[in-house]
């Protein structure tokens, strides 16, 4: 939420407007989520602008539960709890497919 707020504040300071006009390139529907994340990280690394900060915040929010599932698969595998490792891996696969075919 901090990144989104920073992007909105930056937009307000630059334009004096409280609304955003997003270009089609920032929509996640063009490709999959991982392409959107790659474009977002490239946009932030080339210079922070309001849209890239907001997109980075959304990307971080979406990747947080994804990273937690990856950590859970690793943890259950190291603990040799194969039942929960399989269940968690199944959830991981479903979420990955959802992010790939957004």
C-alpha atoms as a PDB file:
ATOM      1  CA  UNK A   1       0.000   0.000   0.000  1.00  0.00           C
ATOM      2  CA  UNK A   2       2.958   2.306   0.603  1.00  0.00           C
ATOM      3  CA  UNK A   3       4.097   2.027  -3.005  1.00  0.00           C
ATOM      4  CA  UNK A   4       0.618   2.739  -4.347  1.00  0.00           C
ATOM      5  CA  UNK A   5       0.260   5.739  -2.041  1.00  0.00           C
ATOM      6  CA  UNK A   6       3.686   7.034  -3.077  1.00  0.00           C
ATOM      7  CA  UNK A   7       2.707   6.710  -6.746  1.00  0.00           C
ATOM      8  CA  UNK A   8      -0.569   8.546  -6.205  1.00  0.00           C
ATOM      9  CA  UNK A   9       1.188  11.288  -4.239  1.00  0.00           C
ATOM     10  CA  UNK A  10       3.870  11.612  -6.936  1.00  0.00           C
ATOM     11  CA  UNK A  11       1.164  11.874  -9.593  1.00  0.00           C
ATOM     12  CA  UNK A  12      -0.631  14.570  -7.608  1.00  0.00           C
ATOM     13  CA  UNK A  13       2.582  16.549  -7.096  1.00  0.00           C
ATOM     14  CA  UNK A  14       3.496  16.318 -10.793  1.00  0.00           C
ATOM     15  CA  UNK A  15       0.094  16.959 -12.348  1.00  0.00           C
ATOM     16  CA  UNK A  16      -2.117  18.405  -9.635  1.00  0.00           C
ATOM     17  CA  UNK A  17      -4.696  15.748 -10.555  1.00  0.00           C
ATOM     18  CA  UNK A  18      -6.073  13.094  -8.260  1.00  0.00           C
ATOM     19  CA  UNK A  19      -7.093  10.802 -11.124  1.00  0.00           C
ATOM     20  CA  UNK A  20      -4.895   8.557 -13.217  1.00  0.00           C
ATOM     21  CA  UNK A  21      -5.059   7.918 -16.938  1.00  0.00           C
ATOM     22  CA  UNK A  22      -3.459   4.525 -17.486  1.00  0.00           C
ATOM     23  CA  UNK A  23      -2.144   3.607 -20.889  1.00  0.00           C
ATOM     24  CA  UNK A  24      -2.981   0.154 -22.282  1.00  0.00           C
ATOM     25  CA  UNK A  25       0.658  -0.933 -21.784  1.00  0.00           C
ATOM     26  CA  UNK A  26       0.186  -0.943 -18.018  1.00  0.00           C
ATOM     27  CA  UNK A  27      -2.755  -3.326 -18.110  1.00  0.00           C
ATOM     28  CA  UNK A  28      -1.957  -6.856 -16.970  1.00  0.00           C
ATOM     29  CA  UNK A  29      -4.256  -8.311 -19.628  1.00  0.00           C
ATOM     30  CA  UNK A  30      -1.612  -7.892 -22.327  1.00  0.00           C
ATOM     31  CA  UNK A  31       0.294 -11.122 -21.820  1.00  0.00           C
ATOM     32  CA  UNK A  32       0.610 -12.897 -18.514  1.00  0.00           C
ATOM     33  CA  UNK A  33       1.363 -11.635 -15.023  1.00  0.00           C
ATOM     34  CA  UNK A  34       5.057 -12.457 -15.282  1.00  0.00           C
ATOM     35  CA  UNK A  35       5.348 -10.248 -18.394  1.00  0.00           C
ATOM     36  CA  UNK A  36       3.556  -7.498 -16.469  1.00  0.00           C
ATOM     37  CA  UNK A  37       5.993  -7.940 -13.549  1.00  0.00           C
ATOM     38  CA  UNK A  38       8.985  -7.822 -15.917  1.00  0.00           C
ATOM     39  CA  UNK A  39       7.707  -4.621 -17.554  1.00  0.00           C
ATOM     40  CA  UNK A  40       7.060  -3.156 -14.107  1.00  0.00           C
ATOM     41  CA  UNK A  41      10.559  -3.880 -12.811  1.00  0.00           C
ATOM     42  CA  UNK A  42      12.056  -2.511 -16.046  1.00  0.00           C
ATOM     43  CA  UNK A  43       9.961   0.650 -15.701  1.00  0.00           C
ATOM     44  CA  UNK A  44      11.030   1.221 -12.106  1.00  0.00           C
ATOM     45  CA  UNK A  45      14.705   0.553 -12.859  1.00  0.00           C
ATOM     46  CA  UNK A  46      14.702   3.096 -15.687  1.00  0.00           C
ATOM     47  CA  UNK A  47      13.254   5.767 -13.409  1.00  0.00           C
ATOM     48  CA  UNK A  48      10.385   5.908 -10.979  1.00  0.00           C
ATOM     49  CA  UNK A  49       7.246   7.555 -12.265  1.00  0.00           C
ATOM     50  CA  UNK A  50       3.791   7.434 -10.662  1.00  0.00           C
ATOM     51  CA  UNK A  51       2.500   4.582 -12.821  1.00  0.00           C
ATOM     52  CA  UNK A  52       5.550   2.387 -12.313  1.00  0.00           C
ATOM     53  CA  UNK A  53       5.377   2.848  -8.523  1.00  0.00           C
ATOM     54  CA  UNK A  54       1.708   1.902  -8.462  1.00  0.00           C
ATOM     55  CA  UNK A  55       2.344  -1.092 -10.732  1.00  0.00           C
ATOM     56  CA  UNK A  56       5.260  -2.142  -8.511  1.00  0.00           C
ATOM     57  CA  UNK A  57       2.995  -2.022  -5.459  1.00  0.00           C
ATOM     58  CA  UNK A  58       0.407  -4.190  -7.196  1.00  0.00           C
ATOM     59  CA  UNK A  59       3.127  -6.610  -8.319  1.00  0.00           C
ATOM     60  CA  UNK A  60       4.516  -6.917  -4.787  1.00  0.00           C
ATOM     61  CA  UNK A  61       1.023  -7.490  -3.382  1.00  0.00           C
ATOM     62  CA  UNK A  62       0.387 -10.253  -5.907  1.00  0.00           C
ATOM     63  CA  UNK A  63       3.785 -11.920  -5.455  1.00  0.00           C
ATOM     64  CA  UNK A  64       3.597 -12.027  -1.638  1.00  0.00           C
ATOM     65  CA  UNK A  65       1.244 -15.040  -1.362  1.00  0.00           C
ATOM     66  CA  UNK A  66       3.027 -16.658  -4.317  1.00  0.00           C
ATOM     67  CA  UNK A  67       6.373 -16.434  -2.483  1.00  0.00           C
ATOM     68  CA  UNK A  68       4.762 -17.820   0.664  1.00  0.00           C
ATOM     69  CA  UNK A  69       3.537 -20.875  -1.241  1.00  0.00           C
ATOM     70  CA  UNK A  70       7.005 -21.433  -2.705  1.00  0.00           C
ATOM     71  CA  UNK A  71       8.461 -21.242   0.822  1.00  0.00           C
ATOM     72  CA  UNK A  72       5.840 -23.690   2.088  1.00  0.00           C
ATOM     73  CA  UNK A  73       6.649 -26.219  -0.649  1.00  0.00           C
ATOM     74  CA  UNK A  74      10.345 -25.988   0.228  1.00  0.00           C
ATOM     75  CA  UNK A  75       9.638 -26.251   3.966  1.00  0.00           C
ATOM     76  CA  UNK A  76       7.341 -29.271   3.707  1.00  0.00           C
ATOM     77  CA  UNK A  77       9.786 -30.970   1.346  1.00  0.00           C
ATOM     78  CA  UNK A  78      12.685 -30.426   3.748  1.00  0.00           C
ATOM     79  CA  UNK A  79      10.549 -31.756   6.591  1.00  0.00           C
ATOM     80  CA  UNK A  80       9.675 -34.758   4.390  1.00  0.00           C
ATOM     81  CA  UNK A  81       5.986 -34.146   4.974  1.00  0.00           C
ATOM     82  CA  UNK A  82       5.054 -35.380   1.542  1.00  0.00           C
ATOM     83  CA  UNK A  83       1.293 -35.074   1.962  1.00  0.00           C
ATOM     84  CA  UNK A  84       1.428 -31.334   2.665  1.00  0.00           C
ATOM     85  CA  UNK A  85       4.225 -30.854   0.149  1.00  0.00           C
ATOM     86  CA  UNK A  86       1.999 -32.353  -2.544  1.00  0.00           C
ATOM     87  CA  UNK A  87      -1.043 -30.328  -1.498  1.00  0.00           C
ATOM     88  CA  UNK A  88       0.977 -27.119  -1.410  1.00  0.00           C
ATOM     89  CA  UNK A  89       2.647 -27.903  -4.722  1.00  0.00           C
ATOM     90  CA  UNK A  90      -0.800 -28.440  -6.263  1.00  0.00           C
ATOM     91  CA  UNK A  91      -1.890 -25.009  -5.014  1.00  0.00           C
ATOM     92  CA  UNK A  92       1.394 -23.577  -6.361  1.00  0.00           C
ATOM     93  CA  UNK A  93       0.732 -25.128  -9.784  1.00  0.00           C
ATOM     94  CA  UNK A  94      -2.837 -23.784  -9.892  1.00  0.00           C
ATOM     95  CA  UNK A  95      -1.729 -20.269  -8.968  1.00  0.00           C
ATOM     96  CA  UNK A  96       1.145 -20.393 -11.471  1.00  0.00           C
ATOM     97  CA  UNK A  97      -1.236 -21.432 -14.244  1.00  0.00           C
ATOM     98  CA  UNK A  98      -3.568 -18.624 -13.221  1.00  0.00           C
ATOM     99  CA  UNK A  99      -0.761 -16.085 -13.397  1.00  0.00           C
ATOM    100  CA  UNK A 100       0.454 -17.400 -16.732  1.00  0.00           C
ATOM    101  CA  UNK A 101      -2.968 -17.354 -18.385  1.00  0.00           C
ATOM    102  CA  UNK A 102      -4.374 -14.203 -16.794  1.00  0.00           C
END
